[in-house]
Amino acid sequence: MRSTGWRVVLIGSVLVALGGCASSEEWKTWKEHPTHYASGDHGFFSLRNRDSNSAKVTRDDIAMARDQGWWGRPITVSSEQILER
């Protein structure tokens, strides 16, 4: 029975720590969507482009984002940086 108290403290601590990682705008976005990503394509794109300074965006990515209604912080690139494939 004593270990139950420690579990509650541990879970509570993790939740508090995680709560501090997102801005109020990010929390609003999370609350508006039932999943982390709009689709598998969205998830793979986000994993591939973790560092927005070296983003790799194709025309297909742009079309999928529009068609599937991706959300989150946008990655902006100039038209010259958009890859054909």
C-alpha atoms as a PDB file:
ATOM      1  CA  MET A   1       0.000   0.000   0.000  1.00  0.00           C
ATOM      2  CA  ARG A   2       2.851   2.388   0.692  1.00  0.00           C
ATOM      3  CA  SER A   3       4.058   2.245  -2.917  1.00  0.00           C
ATOM      4  CA  THR A   4       0.720   3.616  -4.156  1.00  0.00           C
ATOM      5  CA  GLY A   5       1.476   7.016  -2.610  1.00  0.00           C
ATOM      6  CA  TRP A   6       4.822   7.187  -4.378  1.00  0.00           C
ATOM      7  CA  ARG A   7       3.178   6.324  -7.692  1.00  0.00           C
ATOM      8  CA  VAL A   8       0.718   9.172  -7.298  1.00  0.00           C
ATOM      9  CA  VAL A   9       3.556  11.592  -6.473  1.00  0.00           C
ATOM     10  CA  LEU A  10       5.608  10.336  -9.410  1.00  0.00           C
ATOM     11  CA  ILE A  11       2.721  10.606 -11.902  1.00  0.00           C
ATOM     12  CA  GLY A  12       1.794  14.041 -10.567  1.00  0.00           C
ATOM     13  CA  SER A  13       5.389  15.235 -10.900  1.00  0.00           C
ATOM     14  CA  VAL A  14       5.596  14.019 -14.481  1.00  0.00           C
ATOM     15  CA  LEU A  15       2.345  15.774 -15.374  1.00  0.00           C
ATOM     16  CA  VAL A  16       3.521  19.029 -13.820  1.00  0.00           C
ATOM     17  CA  ALA A  17       6.858  18.785 -15.641  1.00  0.00           C
ATOM     18  CA  LEU A  18       5.178  18.098 -18.974  1.00  0.00           C
ATOM     19  CA  GLY A  19       2.682  20.906 -18.453  1.00  0.00           C
ATOM     20  CA  GLY A  20       5.499  23.419 -18.381  1.00  0.00           C
ATOM     21  CA  CYS A  21       6.792  22.385 -21.810  1.00  0.00           C
ATOM     22  CA  ALA A  22       3.947  23.783 -23.909  1.00  0.00           C
ATOM     23  CA  SER A  23       2.816  27.357 -24.401  1.00  0.00           C
ATOM     24  CA  SER A  24      -0.835  28.310 -23.983  1.00  0.00           C
ATOM     25  CA  GLU A  25      -1.151  28.459 -27.782  1.00  0.00           C
ATOM     26  CA  GLU A  26       0.267  24.933 -28.086  1.00  0.00           C
ATOM     27  CA  TRP A  27      -2.150  23.647 -25.433  1.00  0.00           C
ATOM     28  CA  LYS A  28      -5.029  25.281 -27.335  1.00  0.00           C
ATOM     29  CA  THR A  29      -3.950  23.465 -30.504  1.00  0.00           C
ATOM     30  CA  TRP A  30      -3.710  20.148 -28.620  1.00  0.00           C
ATOM     31  CA  LYS A  31      -7.204  20.573 -27.171  1.00  0.00           C
ATOM     32  CA  GLU A  32      -8.692  21.261 -30.615  1.00  0.00           C
ATOM     33  CA  HIS A  33      -7.426  17.984 -32.121  1.00  0.00           C
ATOM     34  CA  PRO A  34      -8.066  14.408 -30.976  1.00  0.00           C
ATOM     35  CA  THR A  35      -4.663  13.114 -32.154  1.00  0.00           C
ATOM     36  CA  HIS A  36      -1.082  14.329 -32.221  1.00  0.00           C
ATOM     37  CA  TYR A  37      -0.892  14.301 -36.035  1.00  0.00           C
ATOM     38  CA  ALA A  38      -3.558  14.656 -38.722  1.00  0.00           C
ATOM     39  CA  SER A  39      -2.274  11.544 -40.536  1.00  0.00           C
ATOM     40  CA  GLY A  40       0.687   9.247 -40.896  1.00  0.00           C
ATOM     41  CA  ASP A  41       2.014  11.551 -43.612  1.00  0.00           C
ATOM     42  CA  HIS A  42       1.866  14.454 -41.151  1.00  0.00           C
ATOM     43  CA  GLY A  43       3.731  12.419 -38.527  1.00  0.00           C
ATOM     44  CA  PHE A  44       6.480  11.328 -40.951  1.00  0.00           C
ATOM     45  CA  PHE A  45       6.866  14.909 -42.191  1.00  0.00           C
ATOM     46  CA  SER A  46       7.236  16.196 -38.625  1.00  0.00           C
ATOM     47  CA  LEU A  47       9.793  13.523 -37.726  1.00  0.00           C
ATOM     48  CA  ARG A  48      11.760  14.253 -40.890  1.00  0.00           C
ATOM     49  CA  ASN A  49      11.762  18.004 -40.167  1.00  0.00           C
ATOM     50  CA  ARG A  50      12.494  18.297 -36.457  1.00  0.00           C
ATOM     51  CA  ASP A  51      14.962  21.098 -37.106  1.00  0.00           C
ATOM     52  CA  SER A  52      13.144  23.851 -39.017  1.00  0.00           C
ATOM     53  CA  ASN A  53      16.515  25.354 -40.057  1.00  0.00           C
ATOM     54  CA  SER A  54      17.156  22.357 -42.313  1.00  0.00           C
ATOM     55  CA  ALA A  55      13.573  21.566 -43.350  1.00  0.00           C
ATOM     56  CA  LYS A  56      13.027  19.456 -46.436  1.00  0.00           C
ATOM     57  CA  VAL A  57       9.695  20.362 -48.006  1.00  0.00           C
ATOM     58  CA  THR A  58       8.385  18.982 -51.295  1.00  0.00           C
ATOM     59  CA  ARG A  59       5.419  20.090 -53.367  1.00  0.00           C
ATOM     60  CA  ASP A  60       3.742  16.810 -52.365  1.00  0.00           C
ATOM     61  CA  ASP A  61       4.189  17.781 -48.677  1.00  0.00           C
ATOM     62  CA  ILE A  62       2.478  21.102 -49.323  1.00  0.00           C
ATOM     63  CA  ALA A  63      -0.413  19.405 -51.137  1.00  0.00           C
ATOM     64  CA  MET A  64      -0.825  16.776 -48.378  1.00  0.00           C
ATOM     65  CA  ALA A  65      -0.759  19.453 -45.670  1.00  0.00           C
ATOM     66  CA  ARG A  66      -3.527  21.350 -47.456  1.00  0.00           C
ATOM     67  CA  ASP A  67      -5.631  18.270 -48.302  1.00  0.00           C
ATOM     68  CA  GLN A  68      -5.280  16.577 -44.889  1.00  0.00           C
ATOM     69  CA  GLY A  69      -5.595  19.740 -42.785  1.00  0.00           C
ATOM     70  CA  TRP A  70      -2.287  19.480 -40.917  1.00  0.00           C
ATOM     71  CA  TRP A  71      -1.946  21.642 -37.798  1.00  0.00           C
ATOM     72  CA  GLY A  72       0.839  22.859 -35.558  1.00  0.00           C
ATOM     73  CA  ARG A  73       3.642  25.350 -35.946  1.00  0.00           C
ATOM     74  CA  PRO A  74       4.186  25.909 -39.668  1.00  0.00           C
ATOM     75  CA  ILE A  75       7.535  25.379 -41.302  1.00  0.00           C
ATOM     76  CA  THR A  76       8.240  28.244 -43.654  1.00  0.00           C
ATOM     77  CA  VAL A  77      10.593  27.948 -46.596  1.00  0.00           C
ATOM     78  CA  SER A  78      11.093  30.158 -49.624  1.00  0.00           C
ATOM     79  CA  SER A  79       9.808  28.920 -52.961  1.00  0.00           C
ATOM     80  CA  GLU A  80      13.410  28.272 -54.070  1.00  0.00           C
ATOM     81  CA  GLN A  81      13.864  25.836 -51.174  1.00  0.00           C
ATOM     82  CA  ILE A  82      10.893  23.618 -52.111  1.00  0.00           C
ATOM     83  CA  LEU A  83      12.227  20.340 -53.453  1.00  0.00           C
ATOM     84  CA  GLU A  84      10.704  18.756 -56.554  1.00  0.00           C
ATOM     85  CA  ARG A  85      11.025  15.246 -55.063  1.00  0.00           C
END
